[in-house]
Protein backbone atom coordinates (compact mmCIF):
# COMPACT_ATOMS: atom_id res chain seq x y z
CA UNK A 1 -94.21 -191.49 -89.15
CA UNK A 2 -94.85 -192.51 -92.59
CA UNK A 3 -97.06 -195.10 -91.62
CA UNK A 4 -99.50 -192.67 -89.39
CA UNK A 5 -98.99 -189.69 -92.55
CA UNK A 6 -99.92 -193.02 -94.66
CA UNK A 7 -102.71 -193.41 -92.18
CA UNK A 8 -103.68 -190.41 -92.63
CA UNK A 9 -104.13 -189.46 -96.28
CA UNK A 10 -105.26 -193.15 -96.85
CA UNK A 11 -106.98 -193.95 -94.44
CA UNK A 12 -109.64 -191.29 -95.47
CA UNK A 13 -108.57 -188.15 -92.58
CA UNK A 14 -107.02 -185.80 -95.68
CA UNK A 15 -108.56 -186.96 -98.78
CA UNK A 16 -112.00 -185.87 -96.93
CA UNK A 17 -111.04 -183.39 -95.89
CA UNK A 18 -109.34 -181.87 -99.18
CA UNK A 19 -112.86 -183.45 -100.92
CA UNK A 20 -115.35 -181.77 -98.47
CA UNK A 21 -112.94 -177.75 -98.65
CA UNK A 22 -113.20 -178.63 -102.85
CA UNK A 23 -116.71 -178.94 -103.33
CA UNK A 24 -117.60 -176.41 -100.63
CA UNK A 25 -114.75 -173.73 -102.75
CA UNK A 26 -117.11 -174.94 -106.08
CA UNK A 27 -120.15 -173.62 -104.06
CA UNK A 28 -119.07 -170.51 -103.20
CA UNK A 29 -117.37 -169.77 -106.43
CA UNK A 30 -120.47 -170.72 -108.26
CA UNK A 31 -122.67 -168.54 -105.90
CA UNK A 32 -119.71 -165.68 -106.32
CA UNK A 33 -120.29 -166.67 -110.26
CA UNK A 34 -123.88 -165.82 -109.65
CA UNK A 35 -123.68 -163.15 -107.87
CA UNK A 36 -121.68 -160.89 -109.56
CA UNK A 37 -123.05 -162.10 -112.77
CA UNK A 38 -119.61 -163.95 -114.28
CA UNK A 39 -119.07 -166.48 -117.00
CA UNK A 40 -117.32 -169.14 -115.20
CA UNK A 41 -119.69 -172.40 -115.08
CA UNK A 42 -121.52 -173.89 -117.76
CA UNK A 43 -123.59 -176.93 -117.34
CA UNK A 44 -121.79 -178.85 -120.23
CA UNK A 45 -118.29 -177.68 -118.94
CA UNK A 46 -118.91 -178.97 -115.33
CA UNK A 47 -120.69 -181.96 -116.74
CA UNK A 48 -117.69 -183.57 -118.36
CA UNK A 49 -114.75 -181.79 -116.04
CA UNK A 50 -117.24 -184.22 -113.34
CA UNK A 51 -117.13 -187.46 -115.68
CA UNK A 52 -113.80 -186.81 -116.12
CA UNK A 53 -112.15 -186.23 -112.71
CA UNK A 54 -114.55 -189.85 -112.01
CA UNK A 55 -112.86 -191.80 -114.42
CA UNK A 56 -109.61 -190.74 -112.93
CA UNK A 57 -110.20 -191.64 -109.82
CA UNK A 58 -111.53 -194.65 -110.46
CA UNK A 59 -108.41 -195.53 -112.33
CA UNK A 60 -105.92 -194.12 -110.13
CA UNK A 61 -107.61 -196.86 -107.16
CA UNK A 62 -105.78 -199.21 -109.45
CA UNK A 63 -102.30 -197.59 -110.48
CA UNK A 64 -101.43 -196.38 -106.84
CA UNK A 65 -101.34 -200.56 -106.02
CA UNK A 66 -99.30 -200.60 -109.13
CA UNK A 67 -97.28 -198.15 -108.43
CA UNK A 68 -96.54 -199.19 -104.75
CA UNK A 69 -95.75 -202.79 -105.64
CA UNK A 70 -93.41 -201.58 -108.19
CA UNK A 71 -91.57 -198.93 -106.41
CA UNK A 72 -91.51 -201.25 -103.33
CA UNK A 73 -90.00 -203.64 -105.73
CA UNK A 74 -87.31 -201.42 -106.72
CA UNK A 75 -86.58 -199.81 -103.46
CA UNK A 76 -85.92 -203.61 -102.26
CA UNK A 77 -83.67 -204.54 -105.41
CA UNK A 78 -81.86 -201.09 -106.09
CA UNK A 79 -82.19 -198.98 -103.76
CA UNK A 80 -78.71 -196.82 -103.74
CA UNK A 81 -79.31 -195.10 -100.77
CA UNK A 82 -81.20 -195.83 -97.04
CA UNK A 83 -82.47 -192.78 -96.60
CA UNK A 84 -84.65 -192.43 -93.77
CA UNK A 85 -88.81 -191.62 -94.17
CA UNK A 86 -88.95 -189.40 -91.32
CA UNK A 87 -86.28 -187.52 -91.22
CA UNK A 88 -87.22 -184.31 -91.62
CA UNK A 89 -84.36 -183.39 -94.07
CA UNK A 90 -85.15 -186.79 -96.09
CA UNK A 91 -89.38 -185.36 -96.44
CA UNK A 92 -87.88 -181.81 -97.39
CA UNK A 93 -85.34 -183.26 -99.67
CA UNK A 94 -88.41 -185.52 -101.28
CA UNK A 95 -90.44 -182.80 -101.47
CA UNK A 96 -88.24 -180.83 -103.43
CA UNK A 97 -87.09 -183.68 -105.62
CA UNK A 98 -91.20 -184.70 -106.13
CA UNK A 99 -91.71 -180.84 -107.36
CA UNK A 100 -89.27 -180.71 -109.97
CA UNK A 101 -90.14 -184.14 -111.19
CA UNK A 102 -93.63 -182.73 -111.34
CA UNK A 103 -92.28 -179.60 -113.09
CA UNK A 104 -90.36 -182.19 -116.21
CA UNK A 105 -93.12 -184.53 -116.29
CA UNK A 106 -95.41 -181.57 -116.76
CA UNK A 107 -93.65 -179.68 -119.13
CA UNK A 108 -92.77 -182.77 -121.34
CA UNK A 109 -96.54 -183.17 -121.59
CA UNK A 110 -96.55 -180.07 -123.57
CA UNK A 111 -93.34 -180.57 -126.11
CA UNK A 112 -94.22 -184.44 -126.98
CA UNK A 113 -97.05 -184.72 -128.75
CA UNK A 114 -97.78 -187.93 -127.20
CA UNK A 115 -97.78 -186.57 -123.95
CA UNK A 116 -99.84 -183.54 -125.01
CA UNK A 117 -102.28 -186.02 -126.34
CA UNK A 118 -102.33 -187.47 -123.19
CA UNK A 119 -102.53 -184.17 -121.04
CA UNK A 120 -105.07 -181.66 -123.50
CA UNK A 121 -108.11 -182.33 -122.30
CA UNK A 122 -106.78 -180.35 -118.64
CA UNK A 123 -106.88 -177.73 -121.21
CA UNK A 124 -109.11 -177.90 -123.82
CA UNK A 125 -111.95 -175.66 -121.37
CA UNK A 126 -112.52 -172.35 -122.13
CA UNK A 127 -113.33 -171.48 -118.87
CA UNK A 128 -111.47 -171.82 -115.54
CA UNK A 129 -113.14 -173.06 -112.35
CA UNK A 130 -112.39 -175.44 -109.55
CA UNK A 131 -113.98 -177.86 -111.07
CA UNK A 132 -111.34 -177.97 -114.51
CA UNK A 133 -108.66 -178.93 -111.28
CA UNK A 134 -110.23 -182.62 -112.13
CA UNK A 135 -110.56 -182.56 -116.04
CA UNK A 136 -107.96 -184.52 -117.10
CA UNK A 137 -106.91 -187.96 -119.54
CA UNK A 138 -107.04 -190.98 -117.33
CA UNK A 139 -104.72 -192.67 -119.75
CA UNK A 140 -101.18 -190.71 -118.51
CA UNK A 141 -101.32 -192.75 -115.07
CA UNK A 142 -100.67 -196.10 -117.04
CA UNK A 143 -97.10 -194.60 -117.49
CA UNK A 144 -96.82 -191.59 -115.20
CA UNK A 145 -95.27 -193.33 -112.27
CA UNK A 146 -92.42 -194.36 -114.90
CA UNK A 147 -91.66 -190.84 -114.00
CA UNK A 148 -91.07 -191.34 -110.16
CA UNK A 149 -89.60 -194.40 -110.37
CA UNK A 150 -86.36 -192.81 -110.45
CA UNK A 151 -87.06 -191.67 -106.03
CA UNK A 152 -87.37 -195.25 -105.49
CA UNK A 153 -84.09 -195.94 -106.70
CA UNK A 154 -82.79 -193.32 -104.81
CA UNK A 155 -83.95 -194.92 -101.90
CA UNK A 156 -86.91 -193.35 -101.10
CA UNK A 157 -89.43 -194.53 -98.93
CA UNK A 158 -92.01 -195.88 -101.73
CA UNK A 159 -95.30 -194.81 -98.87
CA UNK A 160 -93.62 -191.47 -98.75
CA UNK A 161 -92.84 -190.91 -102.47
CA UNK A 162 -96.96 -191.76 -103.43
CA UNK A 163 -97.56 -189.52 -100.53
CA UNK A 164 -95.89 -186.17 -100.93
CA UNK A 165 -97.04 -186.69 -104.61
CA UNK A 166 -100.66 -186.57 -103.14
CA UNK A 167 -100.05 -183.49 -101.87
CA UNK A 168 -98.75 -181.92 -104.20
CA UNK A 169 -101.76 -183.27 -106.31
CA UNK A 170 -104.42 -181.61 -103.98
CA UNK A 171 -102.72 -178.34 -104.19
CA UNK A 172 -102.95 -178.22 -107.18
CA UNK A 173 -107.14 -178.66 -107.12
CA UNK A 174 -107.30 -175.25 -105.75
CA UNK A 175 -104.80 -172.99 -107.98
CA UNK A 176 -107.59 -173.07 -110.44
CA UNK A 177 -109.93 -169.79 -109.99
CA UNK A 178 -110.39 -166.97 -111.00
CA UNK A 179 -111.65 -165.18 -108.36
CA UNK A 180 -108.65 -165.28 -106.56
CA UNK A 181 -106.43 -162.27 -107.64
CA UNK A 182 -102.30 -162.40 -106.84
CA UNK A 183 -101.30 -162.89 -103.86
CA UNK A 184 -98.03 -161.56 -101.56
CA UNK A 185 -95.11 -160.78 -103.59
CA UNK A 186 -93.30 -163.32 -101.73
CA UNK A 187 -95.71 -165.99 -102.49
CA UNK A 188 -95.85 -165.26 -105.63
CA UNK A 189 -92.38 -165.46 -106.25
CA UNK A 190 -92.07 -168.84 -104.57
CA UNK A 191 -95.12 -170.91 -105.14
CA UNK A 192 -97.44 -171.32 -107.56
CA UNK A 193 -100.55 -169.15 -107.39
CA UNK A 194 -103.47 -169.53 -108.62
CA UNK A 195 -102.41 -166.08 -111.21
CA UNK A 196 -99.58 -168.71 -111.96
CA UNK A 197 -101.60 -170.96 -112.91
CA UNK A 198 -104.44 -168.69 -115.06
CA UNK A 199 -101.51 -168.43 -117.24
CA UNK A 200 -100.39 -171.58 -117.57
CA UNK A 201 -103.78 -172.60 -118.39
CA UNK A 202 -104.25 -169.21 -121.02
CA UNK A 203 -103.67 -169.70 -125.03
CA UNK A 204 -102.35 -165.95 -125.47
CA UNK A 205 -98.95 -166.49 -127.33
CA UNK A 206 -97.15 -164.82 -124.28
CA UNK A 207 -98.59 -167.57 -121.96
CA UNK A 208 -97.97 -170.98 -124.07
CA UNK A 209 -95.79 -173.25 -122.34
CA UNK A 210 -95.52 -171.35 -119.11
CA UNK A 211 -95.99 -171.95 -115.69
CA UNK A 212 -95.44 -175.94 -115.60
CA UNK A 213 -94.51 -175.64 -111.84
CA UNK A 214 -96.50 -177.81 -109.25
CA UNK A 215 -96.59 -176.31 -105.44
CA UNK A 216 -93.45 -174.12 -106.81
CA UNK A 217 -92.66 -171.85 -108.70
CA UNK A 218 -89.48 -171.80 -108.56
CA UNK A 219 -88.20 -174.38 -111.49
CA UNK A 220 -89.77 -172.11 -113.63
CA UNK A 221 -88.10 -169.14 -112.71
CA UNK A 222 -84.49 -171.36 -112.66
CA UNK A 223 -85.79 -172.93 -116.54
CA UNK A 224 -86.95 -169.79 -117.97
CA UNK A 225 -90.73 -170.68 -118.38
CA UNK A 226 -91.84 -168.31 -115.60
CA UNK A 227 -94.57 -165.57 -116.95
CA UNK A 228 -96.31 -163.22 -114.81
CA UNK A 229 -99.91 -162.45 -115.30
CA UNK A 230 -100.49 -159.64 -116.73
CA UNK A 231 -103.09 -158.96 -119.82
CA UNK A 232 -106.44 -160.43 -119.19
CA UNK A 233 -105.70 -164.66 -120.02
CA UNK A 234 -107.93 -166.20 -123.25
CA UNK A 235 -108.43 -169.99 -121.93
CA UNK A 236 -108.68 -173.29 -123.66
CA UNK A 237 -106.84 -173.77 -127.18
CA UNK A 238 -105.38 -172.25 -129.47
CA UNK A 239 -107.81 -174.31 -131.61
CA UNK A 240 -110.88 -175.36 -129.65
CA UNK A 241 -112.96 -178.39 -130.16
CA UNK A 242 -116.05 -177.86 -131.89
CA UNK A 243 -117.43 -180.88 -129.93
CA UNK A 244 -117.31 -180.40 -126.45
CA UNK A 245 -117.91 -184.69 -125.23
CA UNK A 246 -115.98 -186.99 -123.06
CA UNK A 247 -115.22 -189.12 -125.57
CA UNK A 248 -114.07 -186.29 -128.32
CA UNK A 249 -112.25 -184.35 -125.25
CA UNK A 250 -109.99 -187.74 -124.40
CA UNK A 251 -109.67 -188.93 -127.83
CA UNK A 252 -109.33 -185.80 -130.22
CA UNK A 253 -105.55 -185.70 -130.53
CA UNK A 254 -104.70 -189.20 -130.76
CA UNK A 255 -107.42 -189.12 -134.40
CA UNK A 256 -105.35 -186.15 -135.24
CA UNK A 257 -101.99 -188.09 -134.69
CA UNK A 258 -103.10 -191.36 -136.41
CA UNK A 259 -103.85 -188.70 -138.96
CA UNK A 260 -100.73 -187.07 -139.72
CA UNK A 261 -98.57 -190.29 -139.05
CA UNK A 262 -101.08 -191.83 -142.18
CA UNK A 263 -100.11 -188.53 -144.67
CA UNK A 264 -96.53 -188.80 -143.41
CA UNK A 265 -94.43 -188.98 -146.59
CA UNK A 266 -91.48 -191.12 -144.59
CA UNK A 267 -90.98 -192.83 -141.32
CA UNK A 268 -88.71 -189.96 -139.90
CA UNK A 269 -91.94 -187.77 -140.14
CA UNK A 270 -94.05 -190.08 -138.74
CA UNK A 271 -91.92 -190.40 -135.78
CA UNK A 272 -92.08 -186.93 -135.15
CA UNK A 273 -95.96 -186.28 -135.27
CA UNK A 274 -95.92 -189.05 -132.49
CA UNK A 275 -92.76 -187.88 -130.27
CA UNK A 276 -91.86 -184.44 -131.46
CA UNK A 277 -93.63 -180.83 -130.59
CA UNK A 278 -97.12 -180.56 -131.08
CA UNK A 279 -96.66 -178.23 -134.10
CA UNK A 280 -94.30 -179.88 -135.70
CA UNK A 281 -95.76 -180.18 -139.74
CA UNK A 282 -93.85 -181.85 -142.39
CA UNK A 283 -94.63 -179.21 -145.15
CA UNK A 284 -93.88 -176.04 -143.50
CA UNK A 285 -90.11 -174.81 -143.61
CA UNK A 286 -90.34 -173.57 -140.40
CA UNK A 287 -93.17 -175.41 -137.43
CA UNK A 288 -93.98 -172.57 -135.25
CA UNK A 289 -94.09 -174.99 -132.83
CA UNK A 290 -94.62 -171.94 -129.51
CA UNK A 291 -98.35 -171.96 -131.06
CA UNK A 292 -99.47 -175.42 -130.98
CA UNK A 293 -100.76 -176.25 -134.29
CA UNK A 294 -102.22 -179.11 -134.09
CA UNK A 295 -104.02 -178.45 -130.87
CA UNK A 296 -103.13 -175.53 -128.54
């Protein structure tokens, strides 16, 4: 079964369907924006999103091979259990473990400054539309797979690990929109929806560090990071970029980290500037870490 799933996904069928659907939705969203005079897109912002998405896609081609080889090695040498790849229960379990892994990985990307530096690109647009989904920083793919490595050690099939993770990625592409309102309450309770993800991209104080889930929003409800969309969302960072170019979007937080480290009074402060909360300052008695002073 896993061979069939992988053939469909990696062979191009699912990817082509997802890509075509994604492009169609962008076109529909643009038409809606024009007809209703909504400020959903701008030429520069969309160009940046597409460029960042293209760079990320190119890097992922290389990283996927490395990831599969690494997972295969771990699975062959250290697998704790012989988990069947085609059993319904193992697929469901892998889906749940993948989803909760993404939750904590995503949360780390907001709560540790180095990881925030590789994630902030995704939040740096002041607009929110389907093209925002592919606005990201390729750098995190060079270490991201390490967080999924325990699944291979547990005994899950490497191909299935990558497949389930890819499905989660495709799902999230379609929740970056302002044109879809709240869905049925049951759906809103269980799944990550456009409404929940709008909150995640908000710079409103009550929305910061909320709704990290991939497919399921249940993890946020369980771990206390859920927020419901109530007031209108303000998109972007709490301190938005003055210059919106691809190099600036990718590297601005790394530059800020380097400057802070250079002026830090001791090694402990240098460490915290790199790996502490993005809002931490050595010259503040109590850093307001929830407001992402440095960037978000």
